Amino acid sequence: MASIFVTDRESRAEILVFQTDRENKADLCVLMADRESKAKGGDAVWFVVDRESRATSKICYVERENKANLTICFVERESHSGWKTSHELRGQL
């Protein structure tokens, strides 16, 4: 499960994330869970937490892809979620 804390300060983030609308441009396609209990099974299902201490990863969204450590695309189906590239962050979110 990926419990994600979102910060607006790059200096507080572990991972800088660029969001794309195109699955074929993403490193990881992410399904958002509406409950923490649904966010199971690795990096591809995210649940956003409100406290940094509860997070498995701290991210900051960036506006330029070349600043990002990770490019994601949000998807609506679990079958579309998952890693699309070999990536150094695989298994670490």
Protein backbone atom coordinates (compact mmCIF):
# COMPACT_ATOMS: atom_id res chain seq x y z
CA MET A 1 0.00 0.00 0.00
CA ALA A 2 1.14 3.51 -0.72
CA SER A 3 0.02 6.00 1.90
CA ILE A 4 0.88 9.33 0.35
CA PHE A 5 1.38 12.67 2.04
CA VAL A 6 1.26 15.61 -0.38
CA THR A 7 3.24 18.73 0.43
CA ASP A 8 3.48 21.96 -1.52
CA ARG A 9 7.16 22.36 -0.61
CA GLU A 10 9.71 20.52 -2.70
CA SER A 11 12.20 20.61 0.17
CA ARG A 12 9.85 18.51 2.36
CA ALA A 13 9.18 15.89 -0.33
CA GLU A 14 10.99 12.61 -0.84
CA ILE A 15 9.69 12.35 -4.40
CA LEU A 16 8.92 15.05 -6.96
CA VAL A 17 5.97 13.96 -9.08
CA PHE A 18 4.81 15.11 -12.50
CA GLN A 19 1.25 14.22 -13.47
CA THR A 20 0.40 13.41 -17.09
CA ASP A 21 -2.95 12.56 -18.66
CA ARG A 22 -1.38 9.97 -20.97
CA GLU A 23 -0.78 6.45 -19.68
CA ASN A 24 1.93 5.84 -22.27
CA LYS A 25 3.96 8.79 -20.89
CA ALA A 26 3.79 7.63 -17.25
CA ASP A 27 6.27 5.62 -15.23
CA LEU A 28 3.42 4.56 -12.95
CA CYS A 29 -0.35 4.51 -13.44
CA VAL A 30 -2.08 5.15 -10.12
CA LEU A 31 -5.52 4.25 -8.85
CA MET A 32 -6.72 6.44 -5.98
CA ALA A 33 -8.36 4.59 -3.10
CA ASP A 34 -11.26 6.21 -1.26
CA ARG A 35 -10.45 4.25 1.91
CA GLU A 36 -7.13 3.28 3.40
CA SER A 37 -8.21 -0.35 3.60
CA LYS A 38 -8.57 -0.43 -0.21
CA ALA A 39 -5.02 0.80 -0.78
CA LYS A 40 -3.34 -2.56 -0.70
CA GLY A 41 -0.96 -4.32 -2.99
CA GLY A 42 2.06 -2.21 -3.75
CA ASP A 43 2.83 1.09 -5.38
CA ALA A 44 -0.07 1.42 -7.83
CA VAL A 45 -2.91 2.12 -5.37
CA TRP A 46 -2.57 5.35 -3.42
CA PHE A 47 -4.40 6.65 -0.39
CA VAL A 48 -3.68 10.26 0.55
CA VAL A 49 -3.13 10.77 4.27
CA ASP A 50 -3.43 14.05 6.15
CA ARG A 51 -0.47 13.52 8.48
CA GLU A 52 3.13 13.14 7.44
CA SER A 53 3.73 10.56 10.17
CA ARG A 54 1.19 8.17 8.58
CA ALA A 55 2.76 8.32 5.12
CA THR A 56 4.89 5.71 3.41
CA SER A 57 5.96 8.43 0.93
CA LYS A 58 6.00 12.23 0.89
CA ILE A 59 5.48 13.81 -2.52
CA CYS A 60 5.30 17.21 -4.11
CA TYR A 61 3.72 17.78 -7.51
CA VAL A 62 5.88 19.74 -9.94
CA GLU A 63 4.80 21.55 -13.10
CA ARG A 64 7.74 20.52 -15.27
CA GLU A 65 8.45 16.92 -16.14
CA ASN A 66 12.20 17.46 -16.19
CA LYS A 67 12.10 18.36 -12.46
CA ALA A 68 10.30 15.15 -11.49
CA ASN A 69 11.66 11.90 -10.07
CA LEU A 70 8.45 10.14 -11.09
CA THR A 71 5.79 10.67 -13.77
CA ILE A 72 2.32 9.35 -12.95
CA CYS A 73 -1.05 9.08 -14.61
CA PHE A 74 -4.23 8.63 -12.59
CA VAL A 75 -6.48 5.83 -13.86
CA GLU A 76 -9.98 4.73 -12.96
CA ARG A 77 -9.55 0.97 -13.22
CA GLU A 78 -7.26 -1.21 -11.18
CA SER A 79 -6.46 -3.26 -14.28
CA HIS A 80 -4.84 -0.13 -15.79
CA SER A 81 -2.75 0.64 -12.70
CA GLY A 82 0.85 -0.38 -12.23
CA TRP A 83 4.40 0.32 -13.30
CA LYS A 84 4.88 1.02 -17.00
CA THR A 85 8.68 1.36 -16.85
CA SER A 86 11.58 -0.13 -14.96
CA HIS A 87 12.05 2.51 -12.31
CA GLU A 88 14.37 2.99 -9.34
CA LEU A 89 11.36 3.73 -7.08
CA ARG A 90 9.62 0.43 -7.85
CA GLY A 91 8.56 -1.17 -4.57
CA GLN A 92 9.51 1.87 -2.51
CA LEU A 93 6.33 3.93 -2.34
